[in-house]
């Protein structure tokens, strides 16, 4: 593993599932590898109530890790009203930096959009009550998500793994939401996404791996790793024709500001 010694580059992974079973046995080593590639901060979004405890434990044991708690639409068949109550209790108990991963997903089997909307709206309500940003998953549902966002002028957050249009991007930005970009942007075929990225201002987006999911062109196997954020940042710098140091500085600052993190 090559080591990047630049003191100017500090990268913040705004979305990574460090609690995933693929990372369980060697998480300290994986984070150490990531640090050699200038990745020093990680936000870990939850997916179900069963993940809350593990995520909290990781944030207690590893410097630079921050928790977000939420109910992911992919697991809509599992979520109950009791889970919403547990989520609220967890928000009070652990003081996370965000609510998520939540949102809407039209690509899962038996999506049950009515139930998804119910849980998404409930988490929006909690975000407003606790003054927390939302980490939103929107797969083939960006218009539906934007419809909900528009109802709440003070809501803020990020559209994780953004895959919408330029018009949808502009609407999200007008309503206090940033756009998250990850491994998908490294594929040559992602021309529409790259065009949107080039159009954006530096203060419009943050970066993520979504590891171990959504690997980029830099991996032949099915997994994505914490250290890969450095490659994603380099790819974005190349696409935008800007210095890597500038991309790192801007996305770190954008993440810090959105999630109200101080003294990093």
C-alpha atoms as a PDB file:
ATOM      1  CA  UNK A   1       0.000   0.000   0.000  1.00  0.00           C
ATOM      2  CA  UNK A   2       1.413   3.340  -1.021  1.00  0.00           C
ATOM      3  CA  UNK A   3       1.440   6.113   1.541  1.00  0.00           C
ATOM      4  CA  UNK A   4       0.433   9.645   0.695  1.00  0.00           C
ATOM      5  CA  UNK A   5       2.329  12.020   2.934  1.00  0.00           C
ATOM      6  CA  UNK A   6       0.666  15.269   1.902  1.00  0.00           C
ATOM      7  CA  UNK A   7      -0.329  17.239   4.985  1.00  0.00           C
ATOM      8  CA  UNK A   8      -2.682  19.280   2.832  1.00  0.00           C
ATOM      9  CA  UNK A   9      -5.055  16.404   2.102  1.00  0.00           C
ATOM     10  CA  UNK A  10      -7.608  15.278   4.671  1.00  0.00           C
ATOM     11  CA  UNK A  11     -10.593  13.309   3.402  1.00  0.00           C
ATOM     12  CA  UNK A  12     -13.975  12.798   5.065  1.00  0.00           C
ATOM     13  CA  UNK A  13     -16.057   9.777   4.057  1.00  0.00           C
ATOM     14  CA  UNK A  14     -19.617  11.019   4.468  1.00  0.00           C
ATOM     15  CA  UNK A  15     -21.215   7.580   4.038  1.00  0.00           C
ATOM     16  CA  UNK A  16     -19.662   4.220   4.888  1.00  0.00           C
ATOM     17  CA  UNK A  17     -21.051   1.068   6.505  1.00  0.00           C
ATOM     18  CA  UNK A  18     -18.182   0.209   8.837  1.00  0.00           C
ATOM     19  CA  UNK A  19     -20.520  -2.056  10.795  1.00  0.00           C
ATOM     20  CA  UNK A  20     -20.891  -4.404   7.820  1.00  0.00           C
ATOM     21  CA  UNK A  21     -19.925  -8.027   8.442  1.00  0.00           C
ATOM     22  CA  UNK A  22     -17.247  -7.813   5.726  1.00  0.00           C
ATOM     23  CA  UNK A  23     -15.301  -5.398   7.941  1.00  0.00           C
ATOM     24  CA  UNK A  24     -15.936  -6.994  11.317  1.00  0.00           C
ATOM     25  CA  UNK A  25     -12.740  -9.000  11.716  1.00  0.00           C
ATOM     26  CA  UNK A  26     -10.189  -6.433  10.552  1.00  0.00           C
ATOM     27  CA  UNK A  27     -11.730  -2.995  10.990  1.00  0.00           C
ATOM     28  CA  UNK A  28      -8.699  -1.473  12.810  1.00  0.00           C
ATOM     29  CA  UNK A  29      -6.427  -2.513   9.942  1.00  0.00           C
ATOM     30  CA  UNK A  30      -8.838  -1.207   7.306  1.00  0.00           C
ATOM     31  CA  UNK A  31      -9.050   2.176   9.018  1.00  0.00           C
ATOM     32  CA  UNK A  32      -5.270   2.282   9.355  1.00  0.00           C
ATOM     33  CA  UNK A  33      -4.949   1.590   5.614  1.00  0.00           C
ATOM     34  CA  UNK A  34      -7.443   4.382   4.939  1.00  0.00           C
ATOM     35  CA  UNK A  35      -5.438   6.821   7.060  1.00  0.00           C
ATOM     36  CA  UNK A  36      -2.343   6.144   4.937  1.00  0.00           C
ATOM     37  CA  UNK A  37      -4.471   7.411   2.048  1.00  0.00           C
ATOM     38  CA  UNK A  38      -5.415  10.591   3.926  1.00  0.00           C
ATOM     39  CA  UNK A  39      -8.893   9.394   4.904  1.00  0.00           C
ATOM     40  CA  UNK A  40      -9.388  10.391   8.533  1.00  0.00           C
ATOM     41  CA  UNK A  41     -13.140  10.778   9.208  1.00  0.00           C
ATOM     42  CA  UNK A  42     -16.119   8.496   8.625  1.00  0.00           C
ATOM     43  CA  UNK A  43     -19.900   8.789   9.012  1.00  0.00           C
ATOM     44  CA  UNK A  44     -21.622   5.454   9.606  1.00  0.00           C
ATOM     45  CA  UNK A  45     -25.344   5.414   8.732  1.00  0.00           C
ATOM     46  CA  UNK A  46     -27.566   2.746  10.216  1.00  0.00           C
ATOM     47  CA  UNK A  47     -30.023   0.615   8.254  1.00  0.00           C
ATOM     48  CA  UNK A  48     -32.130  -1.181  10.895  1.00  0.00           C
ATOM     49  CA  UNK A  49     -32.504  -0.969  14.661  1.00  0.00           C
ATOM     50  CA  UNK A  50     -30.358  -4.101  14.896  1.00  0.00           C
ATOM     51  CA  UNK A  51     -27.366  -2.078  13.631  1.00  0.00           C
ATOM     52  CA  UNK A  52     -27.619   0.743  16.174  1.00  0.00           C
ATOM     53  CA  UNK A  53     -25.579  -0.888  18.935  1.00  0.00           C
ATOM     54  CA  UNK A  54     -22.712  -1.979  16.689  1.00  0.00           C
ATOM     55  CA  UNK A  55     -22.434   1.478  15.149  1.00  0.00           C
ATOM     56  CA  UNK A  56     -22.372   3.117  18.562  1.00  0.00           C
ATOM     57  CA  UNK A  57     -19.645   0.704  19.671  1.00  0.00           C
ATOM     58  CA  UNK A  58     -17.515   1.528  16.618  1.00  0.00           C
ATOM     59  CA  UNK A  59     -17.787   5.254  17.314  1.00  0.00           C
ATOM     60  CA  UNK A  60     -16.695   4.621  20.902  1.00  0.00           C
ATOM     61  CA  UNK A  61     -13.707   2.501  19.892  1.00  0.00           C
ATOM     62  CA  UNK A  62     -12.366   4.325  16.833  1.00  0.00           C
ATOM     63  CA  UNK A  63     -11.391   7.984  16.551  1.00  0.00           C
ATOM     64  CA  UNK A  64     -12.921   9.916  13.706  1.00  0.00           C
ATOM     65  CA  UNK A  65     -16.073   7.798  13.423  1.00  0.00           C
ATOM     66  CA  UNK A  66     -19.532   9.366  13.722  1.00  0.00           C
ATOM     67  CA  UNK A  67     -22.947   7.736  13.950  1.00  0.00           C
ATOM     68  CA  UNK A  68     -26.193   8.329  12.115  1.00  0.00           C
ATOM     69  CA  UNK A  69     -29.260   6.314  13.067  1.00  0.00           C
ATOM     70  CA  UNK A  70     -32.156   5.582  10.762  1.00  0.00           C
ATOM     71  CA  UNK A  71     -34.358   3.003   9.060  1.00  0.00           C
ATOM     72  CA  UNK A  72     -33.348   2.159   5.484  1.00  0.00           C
ATOM     73  CA  UNK A  73     -36.107   1.662   2.893  1.00  0.00           C
ATOM     74  CA  UNK A  74     -34.402  -1.485   1.581  1.00  0.00           C
ATOM     75  CA  UNK A  75     -35.511  -3.194   4.795  1.00  0.00           C
ATOM     76  CA  UNK A  76     -39.036  -1.771   4.780  1.00  0.00           C
ATOM     77  CA  UNK A  77     -40.524  -5.236   5.336  1.00  0.00           C
ATOM     78  CA  UNK A  78     -38.734  -5.362   8.714  1.00  0.00           C
ATOM     79  CA  UNK A  79     -39.549  -1.918  10.120  1.00  0.00           C
ATOM     80  CA  UNK A  80     -42.285  -1.437  12.711  1.00  0.00           C
ATOM     81  CA  UNK A  81     -43.713   1.416  14.754  1.00  0.00           C
ATOM     82  CA  UNK A  82     -41.722   0.038  17.672  1.00  0.00           C
ATOM     83  CA  UNK A  83     -38.578   0.600  15.602  1.00  0.00           C
ATOM     84  CA  UNK A  84     -39.512   4.267  15.242  1.00  0.00           C
ATOM     85  CA  UNK A  85     -39.859   4.487  19.006  1.00  0.00           C
ATOM     86  CA  UNK A  86     -36.460   2.818  19.440  1.00  0.00           C
ATOM     87  CA  UNK A  87     -34.978   5.243  16.928  1.00  0.00           C
ATOM     88  CA  UNK A  88     -36.249   8.228  18.886  1.00  0.00           C
ATOM     89  CA  UNK A  89     -34.890   6.807  22.137  1.00  0.00           C
ATOM     90  CA  UNK A  90     -31.538   6.167  20.439  1.00  0.00           C
ATOM     91  CA  UNK A  91     -31.384   9.743  19.180  1.00  0.00           C
ATOM     92  CA  UNK A  92     -31.843  10.985  22.745  1.00  0.00           C
ATOM     93  CA  UNK A  93     -29.419   8.486  24.241  1.00  0.00           C
ATOM     94  CA  UNK A  94     -26.474   8.582  21.819  1.00  0.00           C
ATOM     95  CA  UNK A  95     -26.627  12.110  20.349  1.00  0.00           C
ATOM     96  CA  UNK A  96     -25.770  11.200  16.731  1.00  0.00           C
ATOM     97  CA  UNK A  97     -24.828  13.691  14.018  1.00  0.00           C
ATOM     98  CA  UNK A  98     -27.644  12.744  11.601  1.00  0.00           C
ATOM     99  CA  UNK A  99     -30.706  10.624  10.930  1.00  0.00           C
ATOM    100  CA  UNK A 100     -30.237   8.005   8.255  1.00  0.00           C
ATOM    101  CA  UNK A 101     -29.931   6.130   6.171  1.00  0.00           C
ATOM    102  CA  UNK A 102     -33.555   6.724   5.265  1.00  0.00           C
ATOM    103  CA  UNK A 103     -35.533   7.533   2.139  1.00  0.00           C
ATOM    104  CA  UNK A 104     -37.382   5.792  -0.681  1.00  0.00           C
ATOM    105  CA  UNK A 105     -36.428   2.913  -2.978  1.00  0.00           C
ATOM    106  CA  UNK A 106     -38.528   1.861  -5.979  1.00  0.00           C
ATOM    107  CA  UNK A 107     -36.152  -0.891  -7.081  1.00  0.00           C
ATOM    108  CA  UNK A 108     -36.566  -3.415  -4.285  1.00  0.00           C
ATOM    109  CA  UNK A 109     -38.868  -6.416  -4.518  1.00  0.00           C
ATOM    110  CA  UNK A 110     -42.361  -5.520  -3.267  1.00  0.00           C
ATOM    111  CA  UNK A 111     -41.408  -1.905  -2.528  1.00  0.00           C
ATOM    112  CA  UNK A 112     -44.647  -1.030  -0.662  1.00  0.00           C
ATOM    113  CA  UNK A 113     -44.263   2.703  -1.311  1.00  0.00           C
ATOM    114  CA  UNK A 114     -47.071   3.607   1.060  1.00  0.00           C
ATOM    115  CA  UNK A 115     -45.199   2.046   3.971  1.00  0.00           C
ATOM    116  CA  UNK A 116     -41.907   3.541   2.771  1.00  0.00           C
ATOM    117  CA  UNK A 117     -43.463   7.018   2.722  1.00  0.00           C
ATOM    118  CA  UNK A 118     -44.828   6.519   6.213  1.00  0.00           C
ATOM    119  CA  UNK A 119     -41.386   5.694   7.623  1.00  0.00           C
ATOM    120  CA  UNK A 120     -39.641   8.383   5.588  1.00  0.00           C
ATOM    121  CA  UNK A 121     -42.083  11.047   6.770  1.00  0.00           C
ATOM    122  CA  UNK A 122     -41.697   9.854  10.360  1.00  0.00           C
ATOM    123  CA  UNK A 123     -37.923  10.257  10.113  1.00  0.00           C
ATOM    124  CA  UNK A 124     -38.299  13.705   8.563  1.00  0.00           C
ATOM    125  CA  UNK A 125     -40.375  14.628  11.599  1.00  0.00           C
ATOM    126  CA  UNK A 126     -37.627  13.368  13.909  1.00  0.00           C
ATOM    127  CA  UNK A 127     -35.001  15.302  11.955  1.00  0.00           C
ATOM    128  CA  UNK A 128     -36.958  18.485  12.499  1.00  0.00           C
ATOM    129  CA  UNK A 129     -37.600  17.696  16.164  1.00  0.00           C
ATOM    130  CA  UNK A 130     -33.933  16.986  16.906  1.00  0.00           C
ATOM    131  CA  UNK A 131     -32.526  19.552  14.445  1.00  0.00           C
ATOM    132  CA  UNK A 132     -30.496  16.907  12.628  1.00  0.00           C
ATOM    133  CA  UNK A 133     -29.654  16.525   8.935  1.00  0.00           C
ATOM    134  CA  UNK A 134     -31.007  13.597   6.949  1.00  0.00           C
ATOM    135  CA  UNK A 135     -28.918  11.090   4.994  1.00  0.00           C
ATOM    136  CA  UNK A 136     -31.291  10.150   2.193  1.00  0.00           C
ATOM    137  CA  UNK A 137     -31.309   7.094  -0.041  1.00  0.00           C
ATOM    138  CA  UNK A 138     -33.273   7.764  -3.237  1.00  0.00           C
ATOM    139  CA  UNK A 139     -33.216   5.011  -5.858  1.00  0.00           C
ATOM    140  CA  UNK A 140     -35.510   5.801  -8.806  1.00  0.00           C
ATOM    141  CA  UNK A 141     -37.430   8.025  -6.373  1.00  0.00           C
ATOM    142  CA  UNK A 142     -35.674  11.401  -6.523  1.00  0.00           C
ATOM    143  CA  UNK A 143     -38.843  13.265  -7.520  1.00  0.00           C
ATOM    144  CA  UNK A 144     -40.798  11.679  -4.660  1.00  0.00           C
ATOM    145  CA  UNK A 145     -38.034  12.521  -2.195  1.00  0.00           C
ATOM    146  CA  UNK A 146     -37.864  16.116  -3.415  1.00  0.00           C
ATOM    147  CA  UNK A 147     -41.640  16.409  -3.032  1.00  0.00           C
ATOM    148  CA  UNK A 148     -41.285  15.550   0.671  1.00  0.00           C
ATOM    149  CA  UNK A 149     -38.258  17.815   1.147  1.00  0.00           C
ATOM    150  CA  UNK A 150     -40.086  20.796  -0.312  1.00  0.00           C
ATOM    151  CA  UNK A 151     -42.721  20.576   2.425  1.00  0.00           C
ATOM    152  CA  UNK A 152     -40.156  21.485   5.104  1.00  0.00           C
ATOM    153  CA  UNK A 153     -38.105  24.651   4.451  1.00  0.00           C
ATOM    154  CA  UNK A 154     -35.779  24.102   7.423  1.00  0.00           C
ATOM    155  CA  UNK A 155     -34.950  20.488   6.606  1.00  0.00           C
ATOM    156  CA  UNK A 156     -31.348  19.831   5.566  1.00  0.00           C
ATOM    157  CA  UNK A 157     -29.155  16.912   4.633  1.00  0.00           C
ATOM    158  CA  UNK A 158     -27.589  15.001   1.767  1.00  0.00           C
ATOM    159  CA  UNK A 159     -28.912  12.973  -1.146  1.00  0.00           C
ATOM    160  CA  UNK A 160     -26.504  10.076  -0.804  1.00  0.00           C
ATOM    161  CA  UNK A 161     -25.166   8.430  -3.983  1.00  0.00           C
ATOM    162  CA  UNK A 162     -26.899  11.034  -6.107  1.00  0.00           C
ATOM    163  CA  UNK A 163     -28.138   9.667  -9.438  1.00  0.00           C
ATOM    164  CA  UNK A 164     -30.711  12.222 -10.550  1.00  0.00           C
ATOM    165  CA  UNK A 165     -30.767  14.926 -13.207  1.00  0.00           C
ATOM    166  CA  UNK A 166     -29.196  18.371 -13.155  1.00  0.00           C
ATOM    167  CA  UNK A 167     -32.633  19.892 -12.602  1.00  0.00           C
ATOM    168  CA  UNK A 168     -33.232  17.590  -9.620  1.00  0.00           C
ATOM    169  CA  UNK A 169     -29.789  18.453  -8.286  1.00  0.00           C
ATOM    170  CA  UNK A 170     -30.570  22.155  -8.452  1.00  0.00           C
ATOM    171  CA  UNK A 171     -33.883  21.667  -6.622  1.00  0.00           C
ATOM    172  CA  UNK A 172     -32.150  19.703  -3.862  1.00  0.00           C
ATOM    173  CA  UNK A 173     -29.493  22.395  -3.499  1.00  0.00           C
ATOM    174  CA  UNK A 174     -32.163  25.093  -3.254  1.00  0.00           C
ATOM    175  CA  UNK A 175     -33.683  23.200  -0.302  1.00  0.00           C
ATOM    176  CA  UNK A 176     -30.589  22.882   1.931  1.00  0.00           C
ATOM    177  CA  UNK A 177     -29.427  19.512   0.597  1.00  0.00           C
ATOM    178  CA  UNK A 178     -25.971  18.588  -0.637  1.00  0.00           C
ATOM    179  CA  UNK A 179     -25.237  15.821  -3.135  1.00  0.00           C
ATOM    180  CA  UNK A 180     -23.130  12.771  -2.299  1.00  0.00           C
ATOM    181  CA  UNK A 181     -20.822  11.240  -4.917  1.00  0.00           C
ATOM    182  CA  UNK A 182     -18.902   7.970  -4.686  1.00  0.00           C
ATOM    183  CA  UNK A 183     -17.499   5.104  -6.708  1.00  0.00           C
ATOM    184  CA  UNK A 184     -20.078   5.380  -9.484  1.00  0.00           C
ATOM    185  CA  UNK A 185     -18.405   8.569 -10.685  1.00  0.00           C
ATOM    186  CA  UNK A 186     -15.193   6.645 -11.489  1.00  0.00           C
ATOM    187  CA  UNK A 187     -16.789   4.681 -14.328  1.00  0.00           C
ATOM    188  CA  UNK A 188     -16.287   6.133 -17.814  1.00  0.00           C
ATOM    189  CA  UNK A 189     -19.909   5.303 -18.662  1.00  0.00           C
ATOM    190  CA  UNK A 190     -21.183   7.682 -15.952  1.00  0.00           C
ATOM    191  CA  UNK A 191     -21.142  10.617 -18.352  1.00  0.00           C
ATOM    192  CA  UNK A 192     -24.413  12.206 -17.190  1.00  0.00           C
ATOM    193  CA  UNK A 193     -23.291  12.104 -13.582  1.00  0.00           C
ATOM    194  CA  UNK A 194     -19.881  13.489 -14.475  1.00  0.00           C
ATOM    195  CA  UNK A 195     -21.509  16.333 -16.391  1.00  0.00           C
ATOM    196  CA  UNK A 196     -23.589  17.237 -13.329  1.00  0.00           C
ATOM    197  CA  UNK A 197     -20.513  17.082 -11.103  1.00  0.00           C
ATOM    198  CA  UNK A 198     -18.623  19.472 -13.374  1.00  0.00           C
ATOM    199  CA  UNK A 199     -21.557  21.893 -13.292  1.00  0.00           C
ATOM    200  CA  UNK A 200     -21.711  22.102  -9.483  1.00  0.00           C
ATOM    201  CA  UNK A 201     -20.081  24.640  -7.236  1.00  0.00           C
ATOM    202  CA  UNK A 202     -17.446  23.323  -4.823  1.00  0.00           C
ATOM    203  CA  UNK A 203     -19.788  23.886  -1.884  1.00  0.00           C
ATOM    204  CA  UNK A 204     -22.561  21.739  -3.400  1.00  0.00           C
ATOM    205  CA  UNK A 205     -21.274  18.216  -2.800  1.00  0.00           C
ATOM    206  CA  UNK A 206     -19.569  15.776  -0.461  1.00  0.00           C
ATOM    207  CA  UNK A 207     -17.832  12.465  -1.123  1.00  0.00           C
ATOM    208  CA  UNK A 208     -18.404   8.905   0.055  1.00  0.00           C
ATOM    209  CA  UNK A 209     -17.471   5.283  -0.523  1.00  0.00           C
ATOM    210  CA  UNK A 210     -20.686   3.602   0.682  1.00  0.00           C
ATOM    211  CA  UNK A 211     -18.277   0.750   1.438  1.00  0.00           C
ATOM    212  CA  UNK A 212     -18.505  -2.166   1.186  1.00  0.00           C
ATOM    213  CA  UNK A 213     -21.179  -1.414  -1.421  1.00  0.00           C
ATOM    214  CA  UNK A 214     -21.069   0.466  -4.744  1.00  0.00           C
ATOM    215  CA  UNK A 215     -17.485  -0.203  -5.716  1.00  0.00           C
ATOM    216  CA  UNK A 216     -15.925   1.912  -8.429  1.00  0.00           C
ATOM    217  CA  UNK A 217     -13.855   1.198 -11.517  1.00  0.00           C
ATOM    218  CA  UNK A 218     -10.816   0.809  -9.253  1.00  0.00           C
ATOM    219  CA  UNK A 219     -11.961  -2.582  -7.871  1.00  0.00           C
ATOM    220  CA  UNK A 220     -12.361  -5.836  -9.784  1.00  0.00           C
ATOM    221  CA  UNK A 221     -14.192  -7.639  -7.004  1.00  0.00           C
ATOM    222  CA  UNK A 222     -17.537  -6.822  -5.466  1.00  0.00           C
ATOM    223  CA  UNK A 223     -16.323  -4.934  -2.399  1.00  0.00           C
ATOM    224  CA  UNK A 224     -15.451  -1.318  -1.742  1.00  0.00           C
ATOM    225  CA  UNK A 225     -13.017  -0.371   1.062  1.00  0.00           C
ATOM    226  CA  UNK A 226     -12.462   2.641   3.348  1.00  0.00           C
ATOM    227  CA  UNK A 227      -9.157   3.516   1.655  1.00  0.00           C
ATOM    228  CA  UNK A 228     -10.938   3.863  -1.710  1.00  0.00           C
ATOM    229  CA  UNK A 229     -12.152   7.373  -0.881  1.00  0.00           C
ATOM    230  CA  UNK A 230      -8.731   8.663  -1.928  1.00  0.00           C
ATOM    231  CA  UNK A 231      -9.190   7.199  -5.420  1.00  0.00           C
ATOM    232  CA  UNK A 232     -12.711   8.658  -5.621  1.00  0.00           C
ATOM    233  CA  UNK A 233     -11.403  12.094  -4.652  1.00  0.00           C
ATOM    234  CA  UNK A 234      -8.643  11.854  -7.275  1.00  0.00           C
ATOM    235  CA  UNK A 235     -11.196  10.901  -9.907  1.00  0.00           C
ATOM    236  CA  UNK A 236     -13.413  13.862  -9.003  1.00  0.00           C
ATOM    237  CA  UNK A 237     -10.424  16.193  -9.148  1.00  0.00           C
ATOM    238  CA  UNK A 238      -9.622  14.876 -12.622  1.00  0.00           C
ATOM    239  CA  UNK A 239     -13.230  15.181 -13.839  1.00  0.00           C
ATOM    240  CA  UNK A 240     -13.507  18.759 -12.569  1.00  0.00           C
ATOM    241  CA  UNK A 241      -9.916  19.606 -13.566  1.00  0.00           C
ATOM    242  CA  UNK A 242      -9.178  20.983 -10.120  1.00  0.00           C
ATOM    243  CA  UNK A 243      -6.361  20.188  -7.665  1.00  0.00           C
ATOM    244  CA  UNK A 244      -6.939  17.221  -5.371  1.00  0.00           C
ATOM    245  CA  UNK A 245      -6.101  19.481  -2.414  1.00  0.00           C
ATOM    246  CA  UNK A 246      -8.994  21.763  -3.356  1.00  0.00           C
ATOM    247  CA  UNK A 247     -11.476  18.878  -3.648  1.00  0.00           C
ATOM    248  CA  UNK A 248     -10.321  17.480  -0.305  1.00  0.00           C
ATOM    249  CA  UNK A 249     -10.517  20.835   1.472  1.00  0.00           C
ATOM    250  CA  UNK A 250     -13.953  21.709   0.083  1.00  0.00           C
ATOM    251  CA  UNK A 251     -15.624  18.346   0.674  1.00  0.00           C
ATOM    252  CA  UNK A 252     -14.175  18.073   4.174  1.00  0.00           C
ATOM    253  CA  UNK A 253     -15.472  21.556   5.016  1.00  0.00           C
ATOM    254  CA  UNK A 254     -18.862  20.857   3.433  1.00  0.00           C
ATOM    255  CA  UNK A 255     -19.281  17.667   5.473  1.00  0.00           C
ATOM    256  CA  UNK A 256     -18.153  19.392   8.649  1.00  0.00           C
ATOM    257  CA  UNK A 257     -20.618  22.247   8.108  1.00  0.00           C
ATOM    258  CA  UNK A 258     -23.607  20.071   7.148  1.00  0.00           C
ATOM    259  CA  UNK A 259     -23.253  17.792  10.169  1.00  0.00           C
ATOM    260  CA  UNK A 260     -22.247  20.632  12.527  1.00  0.00           C
ATOM    261  CA  UNK A 261     -18.941  19.087  13.518  1.00  0.00           C
ATOM    262  CA  UNK A 262     -16.443  21.334  15.264  1.00  0.00           C
ATOM    263  CA  UNK A 263     -12.789  21.174  16.168  1.00  0.00           C
ATOM    264  CA  UNK A 264     -11.770  18.517  13.629  1.00  0.00           C
END
